[in-house]
C-alpha atoms as a PDB file:
ATOM      1  CA  MET A   1      55.252  37.742 117.568  1.00  0.00           C
ATOM      2  CA  ALA A   2      54.828  37.364 114.033  1.00  0.00           C
ATOM      3  CA  THR A   3      57.137  34.432 112.285  1.00  0.00           C
ATOM      4  CA  PRO A   4      59.343  35.633 109.752  1.00  0.00           C
ATOM      5  CA  ILE A   5      58.716  34.915 105.983  1.00  0.00           C
ATOM      6  CA  PRO A   6      61.234  32.224 104.615  1.00  0.00           C
ATOM      7  CA  ALA A   7      63.503  33.680 101.942  1.00  0.00           C
ATOM      8  CA  LYS A   8      62.370  30.955  99.446  1.00  0.00           C
ATOM      9  CA  ALA A   9      58.748  32.058  99.836  1.00  0.00           C
ATOM     10  CA  VAL A  10      59.707  35.708  99.280  1.00  0.00           C
ATOM     11  CA  LEU A  11      61.536  34.733  95.985  1.00  0.00           C
ATOM     12  CA  GLU A  12      58.560  32.871  94.764  1.00  0.00           C
ATOM     13  CA  PHE A  13      56.242  35.975  94.888  1.00  0.00           C
ATOM     14  CA  THR A  14      58.635  38.633  93.763  1.00  0.00           C
ATOM     15  CA  PRO A  15      59.200  38.136  89.930  1.00  0.00           C
ATOM     16  CA  ARG A  16      55.596  38.502  89.009  1.00  0.00           C
ATOM     17  CA  PRO A  17      54.985  42.078  90.062  1.00  0.00           C
ATOM     18  CA  ARG A  18      58.080  43.260  88.179  1.00  0.00           C
ATOM     19  CA  THR A  19      57.218  41.138  85.099  1.00  0.00           C
ATOM     20  CA  LEU A  20      53.659  42.129  84.709  1.00  0.00           C
ATOM     21  CA  PRO A  21      53.962  45.874  83.579  1.00  0.00           C
ATOM     22  CA  VAL A  22      56.599  44.561  81.223  1.00  0.00           C
ATOM     23  CA  ILE A  23      54.123  41.802  79.724  1.00  0.00           C
ATOM     24  CA  VAL A  24      51.312  44.489  79.364  1.00  0.00           C
ATOM     25  CA  ARG A  25      53.414  46.973  77.777  1.00  0.00           C
ATOM     26  CA  LEU A  26      54.756  44.242  75.218  1.00  0.00           C
ATOM     27  CA  ARG A  27      51.114  43.625  74.327  1.00  0.00           C
ATOM     28  CA  SER A  28      50.029  47.278  73.652  1.00  0.00           C
ATOM     29  CA  HIS A  29      52.746  49.893  73.974  1.00  0.00           C
ATOM     30  CA  LEU A  30      54.289  50.827  70.715  1.00  0.00           C
ATOM     31  CA  PRO A  31      57.538  52.235  71.746  1.00  0.00           C
ATOM     32  CA  THR A  32      57.960  48.983  73.789  1.00  0.00           C
ATOM     33  CA  LEU A  33      57.251  46.823  70.721  1.00  0.00           C
ATOM     34  CA  ALA A  34      59.733  48.894  68.695  1.00  0.00           C
ATOM     35  CA  TYR A  35      62.356  48.466  71.454  1.00  0.00           C
ATOM     36  CA  MET A  36      61.726  44.845  71.290  1.00  0.00           C
ATOM     37  CA  GLN A  37      62.136  44.364  67.391  1.00  0.00           C
ATOM     38  CA  ARG A  38      65.180  46.583  67.589  1.00  0.00           C
ATOM     39  CA  ARG A  39      66.842  44.643  70.426  1.00  0.00           C
ATOM     40  CA  LEU A  40      65.973  41.270  68.399  1.00  0.00           C
ATOM     41  CA  ALA A  41      67.702  42.671  65.466  1.00  0.00           C
ATOM     42  CA  GLU A  42      70.862  43.212  67.658  1.00  0.00           C
ATOM     43  CA  GLY A  43      70.760  39.549  68.614  1.00  0.00           C
ATOM     44  CA  LEU A  44      69.374  39.681  72.036  1.00  0.00           C
ATOM     45  CA  THR A  45      67.059  36.802  73.342  1.00  0.00           C
ATOM     46  CA  LYS A  46      63.484  37.608  74.470  1.00  0.00           C
ATOM     47  CA  ARG A  47      64.499  36.822  77.985  1.00  0.00           C
ATOM     48  CA  GLU A  48      67.315  39.361  77.895  1.00  0.00           C
ATOM     49  CA  ILE A  49      65.135  41.964  76.578  1.00  0.00           C
ATOM     50  CA  ILE A  50      62.592  41.463  79.243  1.00  0.00           C
ATOM     51  CA  ARG A  51      65.287  41.685  81.773  1.00  0.00           C
ATOM     52  CA  CYS A  52      66.283  45.057  80.355  1.00  0.00           C
ATOM     53  CA  LEU A  53      62.590  46.197  80.173  1.00  0.00           C
ATOM     54  CA  LYS A  54      62.140  45.360  83.871  1.00  0.00           C
ATOM     55  CA  ARG A  55      64.980  47.504  84.868  1.00  0.00           C
ATOM     56  CA  PHE A  56      63.587  50.392  82.735  1.00  0.00           C
ATOM     57  CA  VAL A  57      60.294  49.954  84.548  1.00  0.00           C
ATOM     58  CA  ALA A  58      61.779  49.977  87.877  1.00  0.00           C
ATOM     59  CA  ARG A  59      63.633  53.231  87.075  1.00  0.00           C
ATOM     60  CA  GLU A  60      60.421  54.948  85.968  1.00  0.00           C
ATOM     61  CA  ILE A  61      58.559  53.765  89.116  1.00  0.00           C
ATOM     62  CA  TYR A  62      61.430  54.687  91.360  1.00  0.00           C
ATOM     63  CA  ALA A  63      61.592  58.138  89.866  1.00  0.00           C
ATOM     64  CA  HIS A  64      57.654  58.527  90.296  1.00  0.00           C
ATOM     65  CA  LEU A  65      57.868  57.404  94.063  1.00  0.00           C
ATOM     66  CA  CYS A  66      60.905  59.609  94.933  1.00  0.00           C
ATOM     67  CA  GLY A  67      58.866  62.711  93.474  1.00  0.00           C
ATOM     68  CA  GLY A  68      61.010  63.297  90.356  1.00  0.00           C
ATOM     69  CA  LEU A  69      57.981  63.379  88.110  1.00  0.00           C
ATOM     70  CA  ARG A  70      60.290  64.447  85.368  1.00  0.00           C
ATOM     71  CA  ALA A  71      59.651  62.564  82.173  1.00  0.00           C
ATOM     72  CA  SER A  72      62.221  59.734  81.835  1.00  0.00           C
ATOM     73  CA  GLU A  73      64.076  59.189  78.564  1.00  0.00           C
ATOM     74  CA  PRO A  74      61.830  57.885  75.844  1.00  0.00           C
ATOM     75  CA  LEU A  75      61.891  54.100  75.532  1.00  0.00           C
ATOM     76  CA  ALA A  76      62.962  53.955  71.667  1.00  0.00           C
ATOM     77  CA  ASN A  77      66.018  56.053  72.645  1.00  0.00           C
ATOM     78  CA  THR A  78      67.362  53.636  75.147  1.00  0.00           C
ATOM     79  CA  ALA A  79      70.156  51.316  74.385  1.00  0.00           C
END
């Protein structure tokens, strides 16, 4: 019988897979960079912007996994 993974161990490893796509996009994806600049101008912190981007990426991935390969709303138009 396998031993269960402690909750603390799960929490230590979950943030990186959600953060990595956002960091890659911030380095090279022009719509993401424009989104970041716009949100900075609105007064959000970089941490808050990354949190919003993580949710956006999660919605994109979920749509692809569910078979809804419909193109999502362009990043530059999201609020």
